[in-house]
Amino acid sequence: MKLYAKTISQTLPDWAIVVTQSADLIEIEINDDHPNFQSLLEELTTEIEPGVMGVKAEDLCLRLGIELSNPHLHQLVEKAKNLISEIAAHPEYKQLLNLGYSPDLNIADASTAPTYLEWELDRNQQHSV
């Protein structure tokens, strides 16, 4: 499981590690099979709504000393475009293509979707100014 945070406490439990860190985003990977994490989940389990038991992200983050990040949609779209480009250039993906992989929708289709979304965001931003 991954969490994206703005800030984290000085020390994280042994079942949580920082994967990447930039000025505005910290990616944390949680080993959700770790017994200590499972124990924490059991401790934090509550009735979220009638008949539904679970753990609120807010409670988990409070316990870990993490402030969740809520990145702007533009940032997420840019990251998606970058990931799609990385996939297209990856040797394993190229090998799949060489072996005859030909899905109905391909990487070019996938890269078009965030571009269209970006255009719509830009268009809406211009209309709201």
Protein backbone atom coordinates (compact mmCIF):
# COMPACT_ATOMS: atom_id res chain seq x y z
CA MET A 1 0.00 0.00 0.00
CA LYS A 2 1.25 3.49 -0.78
CA LEU A 3 0.50 6.82 0.83
CA TYR A 4 1.39 10.23 -0.54
CA ALA A 5 2.20 12.81 2.08
CA LYS A 6 3.22 16.44 2.43
CA THR A 7 5.00 15.85 5.73
CA ILE A 8 6.05 12.85 7.80
CA SER A 9 7.31 12.34 11.32
CA GLN A 10 11.05 12.01 11.92
CA THR A 11 10.83 8.26 12.39
CA LEU A 12 8.53 5.84 10.66
CA PRO A 13 7.75 2.34 11.90
CA ASP A 14 9.78 -0.51 10.41
CA TRP A 15 6.85 -1.45 8.17
CA ALA A 16 6.81 1.94 6.43
CA ILE A 17 9.56 3.31 4.16
CA VAL A 18 9.97 6.47 2.12
CA VAL A 19 10.18 5.49 -1.55
CA THR A 20 10.61 8.94 -3.10
CA GLN A 21 10.73 12.43 -1.71
CA SER A 22 10.49 15.79 -3.43
CA ALA A 23 9.81 19.29 -2.18
CA ASP A 24 6.03 18.83 -2.27
CA LEU A 25 5.41 15.08 -2.20
CA ILE A 26 6.64 12.12 -0.15
CA GLU A 27 5.77 8.63 -1.34
CA ILE A 28 5.55 6.11 1.50
CA GLU A 29 5.23 2.38 0.97
CA ILE A 30 3.59 0.37 3.72
CA ASN A 31 4.14 -3.35 4.18
CA ASP A 32 0.51 -4.09 4.93
CA ASP A 33 1.30 -7.75 5.69
CA HIS A 34 3.60 -6.80 8.58
CA PRO A 35 2.16 -8.01 11.93
CA ASN A 36 2.72 -4.64 13.62
CA PHE A 37 0.80 -2.87 10.87
CA GLN A 38 -2.01 -5.41 11.09
CA SER A 39 -2.09 -4.87 14.86
CA LEU A 40 -2.39 -1.11 14.34
CA LEU A 41 -5.23 -1.62 11.87
CA GLU A 42 -7.08 -3.79 14.38
CA GLU A 43 -6.61 -1.11 17.02
CA LEU A 44 -7.90 1.66 14.72
CA THR A 45 -10.82 -0.28 13.25
CA THR A 46 -14.09 1.53 13.75
CA GLU A 47 -17.56 1.62 12.24
CA ILE A 48 -17.16 4.02 9.32
CA GLU A 49 -20.86 3.96 8.49
CA PRO A 50 -23.62 1.67 9.71
CA GLY A 51 -22.56 -1.90 9.05
CA VAL A 52 -19.19 -0.97 7.52
CA MET A 53 -16.06 -1.53 9.57
CA GLY A 54 -12.73 -0.08 8.50
CA VAL A 55 -9.92 2.29 9.29
CA LYS A 56 -10.16 5.97 8.49
CA ALA A 57 -7.13 7.26 6.60
CA GLU A 58 -7.19 10.32 8.85
CA ASP A 59 -6.80 8.16 11.98
CA LEU A 60 -3.97 6.13 10.44
CA CYS A 61 -2.11 9.23 9.30
CA LEU A 62 -2.55 10.92 12.67
CA ARG A 63 -1.02 7.88 14.37
CA LEU A 64 1.90 7.85 11.91
CA GLY A 65 2.48 11.60 12.04
CA ILE A 66 1.74 11.95 8.32
CA GLU A 67 -0.03 14.82 6.63
CA LEU A 68 -1.63 13.46 3.47
CA SER A 69 -0.97 15.20 0.21
CA ASN A 70 -3.78 16.20 -2.07
CA PRO A 71 -1.89 17.09 -5.24
CA HIS A 72 -3.45 19.27 -7.89
CA LEU A 73 -4.99 17.37 -10.76
CA HIS A 74 -2.47 18.98 -13.14
CA GLN A 75 0.36 17.35 -11.15
CA LEU A 76 -1.30 13.95 -11.25
CA VAL A 77 -1.91 14.23 -15.00
CA GLU A 78 1.74 15.13 -15.56
CA LYS A 79 2.86 12.14 -13.49
CA ALA A 80 0.52 9.87 -15.45
CA LYS A 81 1.98 11.11 -18.74
CA ASN A 82 5.49 10.49 -17.46
CA LEU A 83 4.63 6.97 -16.28
CA ILE A 84 3.03 6.11 -19.62
CA SER A 85 6.18 7.35 -21.39
CA GLU A 86 8.32 5.18 -19.10
CA ILE A 87 6.14 2.16 -19.87
CA ALA A 88 6.38 2.78 -23.63
CA ALA A 89 10.18 2.94 -23.40
CA HIS A 90 10.55 -0.05 -21.06
CA PRO A 91 12.40 -3.05 -22.53
CA GLU A 92 9.85 -5.53 -21.15
CA TYR A 93 7.02 -3.65 -22.86
CA LYS A 94 8.96 -3.59 -26.13
CA GLN A 95 9.57 -7.31 -25.78
CA LEU A 96 5.83 -7.92 -25.35
CA LEU A 97 5.19 -5.96 -28.56
CA ASN A 98 7.80 -8.03 -30.38
CA LEU A 99 6.06 -11.20 -29.17
CA GLY A 100 2.79 -10.05 -30.73
CA TYR A 101 1.11 -8.17 -27.88
CA SER A 102 -1.59 -6.05 -29.53
CA PRO A 103 -4.37 -4.95 -27.18
CA ASP A 104 -7.48 -3.10 -28.36
CA LEU A 105 -6.17 -0.01 -26.58
CA ASN A 106 -2.44 0.65 -26.66
CA ILE A 107 0.11 2.98 -25.10
CA ALA A 108 -0.65 5.68 -27.66
CA ASP A 109 -4.31 5.57 -26.57
CA ALA A 110 -3.24 5.68 -22.94
CA SER A 111 -1.03 8.72 -23.53
CA THR A 112 -3.86 10.53 -25.31
CA ALA A 113 -6.26 10.33 -22.35
CA PRO A 114 -4.22 12.45 -19.91
CA THR A 115 -3.42 14.91 -22.70
CA TYR A 116 -7.14 15.43 -23.35
CA LEU A 117 -7.71 15.83 -19.63
CA GLU A 118 -4.91 18.39 -19.45
CA TRP A 119 -6.47 20.37 -22.32
CA GLU A 120 -9.83 20.35 -20.55
CA LEU A 121 -8.25 21.53 -17.30
CA ASP A 122 -6.49 24.35 -19.14
CA ARG A 123 -9.70 25.32 -20.96
CA ASN A 124 -11.68 25.39 -17.70
CA GLN A 125 -8.97 27.38 -15.98
CA GLN A 126 -9.12 30.01 -18.76
CA HIS A 127 -12.91 30.25 -18.44
CA SER A 128 -12.72 30.74 -14.67
CA VAL A 129 -10.26 33.64 -14.93
